[in-house]
Amino acid sequence: MEFEKKLKRLEEIVQKMEKGELALEESLRLFEEGVKLSRECQKELQSAEQQVEKLLSVNADGSAITEPFIVTENSSSSTNG
């Protein structure tokens, strides 16, 4: 499943659970699915972060640099710069 689809499904699960109208068994099933999706999304984000760091690892003169990938609350991603 693509990252965006996983994230959308995770949002759907959160919305259903926030309503508080589910039976315990259904809540547990959705919680388990949500935890799994959350971990998968986190793994994909970490992988993307590593790719960004690799792309930023060499200056035009060939000297090595790294810039950490910073996630803020107001934006999905940004870099120090």
N, C-alpha and C. Protein backbone atom coordinates (compact mmCIF):
# COMPACT_ATOMS: atom_id res chain seq x y z
N MET A 1 0.84 -1.17 0.00
CA MET A 1 0.00 0.00 0.00
C MET A 1 0.89 1.25 0.00
N GLU A 2 0.54 2.25 -0.79
CA GLU A 2 1.30 3.49 -0.86
C GLU A 2 1.21 4.27 0.45
N PHE A 3 2.21 5.10 0.69
CA PHE A 3 2.27 5.90 1.92
C PHE A 3 1.00 6.72 2.10
N GLU A 4 0.58 7.40 1.05
CA GLU A 4 -0.60 8.27 1.14
C GLU A 4 -1.86 7.48 1.49
N LYS A 5 -1.98 6.28 0.94
CA LYS A 5 -3.14 5.44 1.25
C LYS A 5 -3.09 4.96 2.69
N LYS A 6 -1.90 4.63 3.17
CA LYS A 6 -1.75 4.21 4.57
C LYS A 6 -2.13 5.36 5.49
N LEU A 7 -1.67 6.54 5.17
CA LEU A 7 -1.97 7.70 6.00
C LEU A 7 -3.46 8.00 6.01
N LYS A 8 -4.09 7.91 4.85
CA LYS A 8 -5.54 8.15 4.75
C LYS A 8 -6.30 7.12 5.58
N ARG A 9 -5.90 5.86 5.49
CA ARG A 9 -6.56 4.81 6.27
C ARG A 9 -6.37 5.06 7.76
N LEU A 10 -5.18 5.48 8.15
CA LEU A 10 -4.91 5.78 9.54
C LEU A 10 -5.81 6.91 10.03
N GLU A 11 -6.00 7.92 9.21
CA GLU A 11 -6.89 9.03 9.57
C GLU A 11 -8.33 8.54 9.72
N GLU A 12 -8.76 7.63 8.84
CA GLU A 12 -10.11 7.07 8.94
C GLU A 12 -10.28 6.31 10.26
N ILE A 13 -9.27 5.55 10.63
CA ILE A 13 -9.32 4.78 11.87
C ILE A 13 -9.44 5.72 13.07
N VAL A 14 -8.64 6.77 13.08
CA VAL A 14 -8.68 7.73 14.18
C VAL A 14 -10.06 8.36 14.28
N GLN A 15 -10.62 8.75 13.16
CA GLN A 15 -11.95 9.37 13.16
C GLN A 15 -13.00 8.41 13.73
N LYS A 16 -12.96 7.15 13.32
CA LYS A 16 -13.92 6.17 13.82
C LYS A 16 -13.78 5.98 15.32
N MET A 17 -12.53 5.89 15.78
CA MET A 17 -12.30 5.64 17.19
C MET A 17 -12.64 6.85 18.05
N GLU A 18 -12.44 8.05 17.51
CA GLU A 18 -12.76 9.26 18.27
C GLU A 18 -14.26 9.39 18.53
N LYS A 19 -15.07 8.83 17.66
CA LYS A 19 -16.51 8.88 17.87
C LYS A 19 -16.93 8.10 19.10
N GLY A 20 -16.18 7.06 19.45
CA GLY A 20 -16.46 6.29 20.64
C GLY A 20 -17.69 5.41 20.55
N GLU A 21 -18.11 5.09 19.35
CA GLU A 21 -19.33 4.32 19.16
C GLU A 21 -19.07 2.85 18.80
N LEU A 22 -17.82 2.45 18.78
CA LEU A 22 -17.48 1.10 18.36
C LEU A 22 -17.51 0.13 19.54
N ALA A 23 -17.79 -1.11 19.24
CA ALA A 23 -17.70 -2.16 20.25
C ALA A 23 -16.22 -2.36 20.62
N LEU A 24 -15.98 -2.91 21.77
CA LEU A 24 -14.62 -3.11 22.25
C LEU A 24 -13.78 -3.91 21.25
N GLU A 25 -14.32 -5.01 20.76
CA GLU A 25 -13.58 -5.86 19.82
C GLU A 25 -13.19 -5.10 18.56
N GLU A 26 -14.13 -4.32 18.03
CA GLU A 26 -13.86 -3.54 16.82
C GLU A 26 -12.83 -2.45 17.11
N SER A 27 -12.92 -1.83 18.28
CA SER A 27 -11.96 -0.81 18.67
C SER A 27 -10.55 -1.39 18.75
N LEU A 28 -10.45 -2.56 19.35
CA LEU A 28 -9.14 -3.22 19.46
C LEU A 28 -8.59 -3.60 18.10
N ARG A 29 -9.45 -4.10 17.21
CA ARG A 29 -9.01 -4.46 15.87
C ARG A 29 -8.50 -3.23 15.12
N LEU A 30 -9.25 -2.14 15.20
CA LEU A 30 -8.85 -0.91 14.52
C LEU A 30 -7.59 -0.32 15.15
N PHE A 31 -7.48 -0.39 16.47
CA PHE A 31 -6.29 0.10 17.15
C PHE A 31 -5.05 -0.65 16.67
N GLU A 32 -5.17 -1.97 16.59
CA GLU A 32 -4.06 -2.80 16.13
C GLU A 32 -3.67 -2.43 14.70
N GLU A 33 -4.66 -2.28 13.84
CA GLU A 33 -4.40 -1.89 12.45
C GLU A 33 -3.73 -0.51 12.41
N GLY A 34 -4.22 0.41 13.23
CA GLY A 34 -3.66 1.76 13.27
C GLY A 34 -2.20 1.78 13.72
N VAL A 35 -1.89 1.00 14.74
CA VAL A 35 -0.51 0.92 15.22
C VAL A 35 0.39 0.38 14.11
N LYS A 36 -0.06 -0.65 13.42
CA LYS A 36 0.72 -1.23 12.33
C LYS A 36 0.95 -0.19 11.23
N LEU A 37 -0.10 0.50 10.83
CA LEU A 37 0.03 1.52 9.78
C LEU A 37 0.94 2.66 10.22
N SER A 38 0.81 3.06 11.47
CA SER A 38 1.65 4.13 12.00
C SER A 38 3.12 3.74 11.94
N ARG A 39 3.43 2.54 12.32
CA ARG A 39 4.83 2.06 12.28
C ARG A 39 5.35 1.99 10.85
N GLU A 40 4.51 1.53 9.94
CA GLU A 40 4.92 1.46 8.54
C GLU A 40 5.17 2.85 7.97
N CYS A 41 4.30 3.79 8.29
CA CYS A 41 4.47 5.17 7.81
C CYS A 41 5.74 5.77 8.39
N GLN A 42 5.99 5.54 9.67
CA GLN A 42 7.19 6.06 10.32
C GLN A 42 8.45 5.51 9.65
N LYS A 43 8.43 4.22 9.31
CA LYS A 43 9.56 3.60 8.63
C LYS A 43 9.81 4.26 7.27
N GLU A 44 8.73 4.51 6.53
CA GLU A 44 8.85 5.15 5.22
C GLU A 44 9.37 6.58 5.36
N LEU A 45 8.93 7.29 6.37
CA LEU A 45 9.42 8.65 6.59
C LEU A 45 10.90 8.65 6.94
N GLN A 46 11.33 7.70 7.75
CA GLN A 46 12.75 7.60 8.09
C GLN A 46 13.59 7.29 6.85
N SER A 47 13.07 6.44 5.99
CA SER A 47 13.77 6.12 4.75
C SER A 47 13.88 7.35 3.86
N ALA A 48 12.80 8.11 3.76
CA ALA A 48 12.82 9.33 2.96
C ALA A 48 13.82 10.33 3.54
N GLU A 49 13.87 10.41 4.86
CA GLU A 49 14.82 11.31 5.52
C GLU A 49 16.25 10.93 5.15
N GLN A 50 16.55 9.64 5.16
CA GLN A 50 17.88 9.19 4.80
C GLN A 50 18.21 9.52 3.34
N GLN A 51 17.23 9.39 2.46
CA GLN A 51 17.46 9.73 1.06
C GLN A 51 17.75 11.21 0.90
N VAL A 52 17.01 12.05 1.62
CA VAL A 52 17.25 13.50 1.56
C VAL A 52 18.65 13.82 2.05
N GLU A 53 19.05 13.22 3.16
CA GLU A 53 20.39 13.47 3.68
C GLU A 53 21.46 13.04 2.69
N LYS A 54 21.25 11.94 1.99
CA LYS A 54 22.22 11.50 0.98
C LYS A 54 22.29 12.49 -0.17
N LEU A 55 21.14 12.99 -0.59
CA LEU A 55 21.12 13.96 -1.69
C LEU A 55 21.82 15.26 -1.32
N LEU A 56 21.79 15.60 -0.05
CA LEU A 56 22.42 16.83 0.40
C LEU A 56 23.84 16.62 0.91
N SER A 57 24.39 15.44 0.71
CA SER A 57 25.66 15.09 1.34
C SER A 57 26.91 15.60 0.63
N VAL A 58 26.80 16.19 -0.58
CA VAL A 58 27.99 16.64 -1.30
C VAL A 58 27.78 18.06 -1.83
N ASN A 59 28.74 18.95 -1.52
CA ASN A 59 28.73 20.30 -2.07
C ASN A 59 29.14 20.28 -3.53
N ALA A 60 28.97 21.39 -4.20
CA ALA A 60 29.37 21.49 -5.60
C ALA A 60 30.87 21.22 -5.77
N ASP A 61 31.68 21.57 -4.76
CA ASP A 61 33.12 21.34 -4.85
C ASP A 61 33.51 19.93 -4.44
N GLY A 62 32.53 19.10 -4.13
CA GLY A 62 32.79 17.71 -3.79
C GLY A 62 32.98 17.45 -2.31
N SER A 63 32.98 18.49 -1.49
CA SER A 63 33.16 18.28 -0.06
C SER A 63 31.86 17.76 0.55
N ALA A 64 32.01 16.88 1.52
CA ALA A 64 30.84 16.24 2.13
C ALA A 64 30.15 17.17 3.10
N ILE A 65 28.83 17.20 3.03
CA ILE A 65 28.01 17.94 3.99
C ILE A 65 26.78 17.11 4.31
N THR A 66 26.19 17.36 5.44
CA THR A 66 24.87 16.80 5.75
C THR A 66 24.03 17.89 6.38
N GLU A 67 22.76 17.86 6.09
CA GLU A 67 21.81 18.77 6.70
C GLU A 67 20.69 17.90 7.25
N PRO A 68 20.44 17.99 8.56
CA PRO A 68 19.39 17.14 9.13
C PRO A 68 18.03 17.49 8.57
N PHE A 69 17.20 16.49 8.47
CA PHE A 69 15.82 16.64 8.00
C PHE A 69 14.99 17.01 9.21
N ILE A 70 14.35 18.16 9.17
CA ILE A 70 13.60 18.66 10.32
C ILE A 70 12.12 18.71 9.99
N VAL A 71 11.32 18.11 10.85
CA VAL A 71 9.87 18.15 10.69
C VAL A 71 9.32 19.08 11.76
N THR A 72 8.54 20.07 11.32
CA THR A 72 7.93 21.00 12.26
C THR A 72 6.44 20.73 12.32
N GLU A 73 5.78 21.30 13.32
CA GLU A 73 4.33 21.10 13.46
C GLU A 73 3.57 21.80 12.35
N ASN A 74 4.07 22.92 11.85
CA ASN A 74 3.34 23.72 10.86
C ASN A 74 3.57 23.31 9.43
N SER A 75 4.56 22.50 9.16
CA SER A 75 4.81 22.06 7.79
C SER A 75 5.19 20.60 7.81
N SER A 76 5.00 19.94 6.67
CA SER A 76 5.26 18.51 6.63
C SER A 76 6.75 18.22 6.64
N SER A 77 7.58 19.09 6.06
CA SER A 77 9.02 18.89 6.09
C SER A 77 9.71 20.17 5.68
N SER A 78 10.90 20.33 6.22
CA SER A 78 11.74 21.45 5.85
C SER A 78 13.18 21.11 6.22
N THR A 79 14.12 21.88 5.68
CA THR A 79 15.50 21.68 6.01
C THR A 79 16.07 22.98 6.55
N ASN A 80 17.07 22.87 7.39
CA ASN A 80 17.75 24.08 7.84
C ASN A 80 18.47 24.67 6.66
N GLY A 81 18.42 25.95 6.49
CA GLY A 81 19.12 26.44 5.32
C GLY A 81 19.17 27.83 5.27
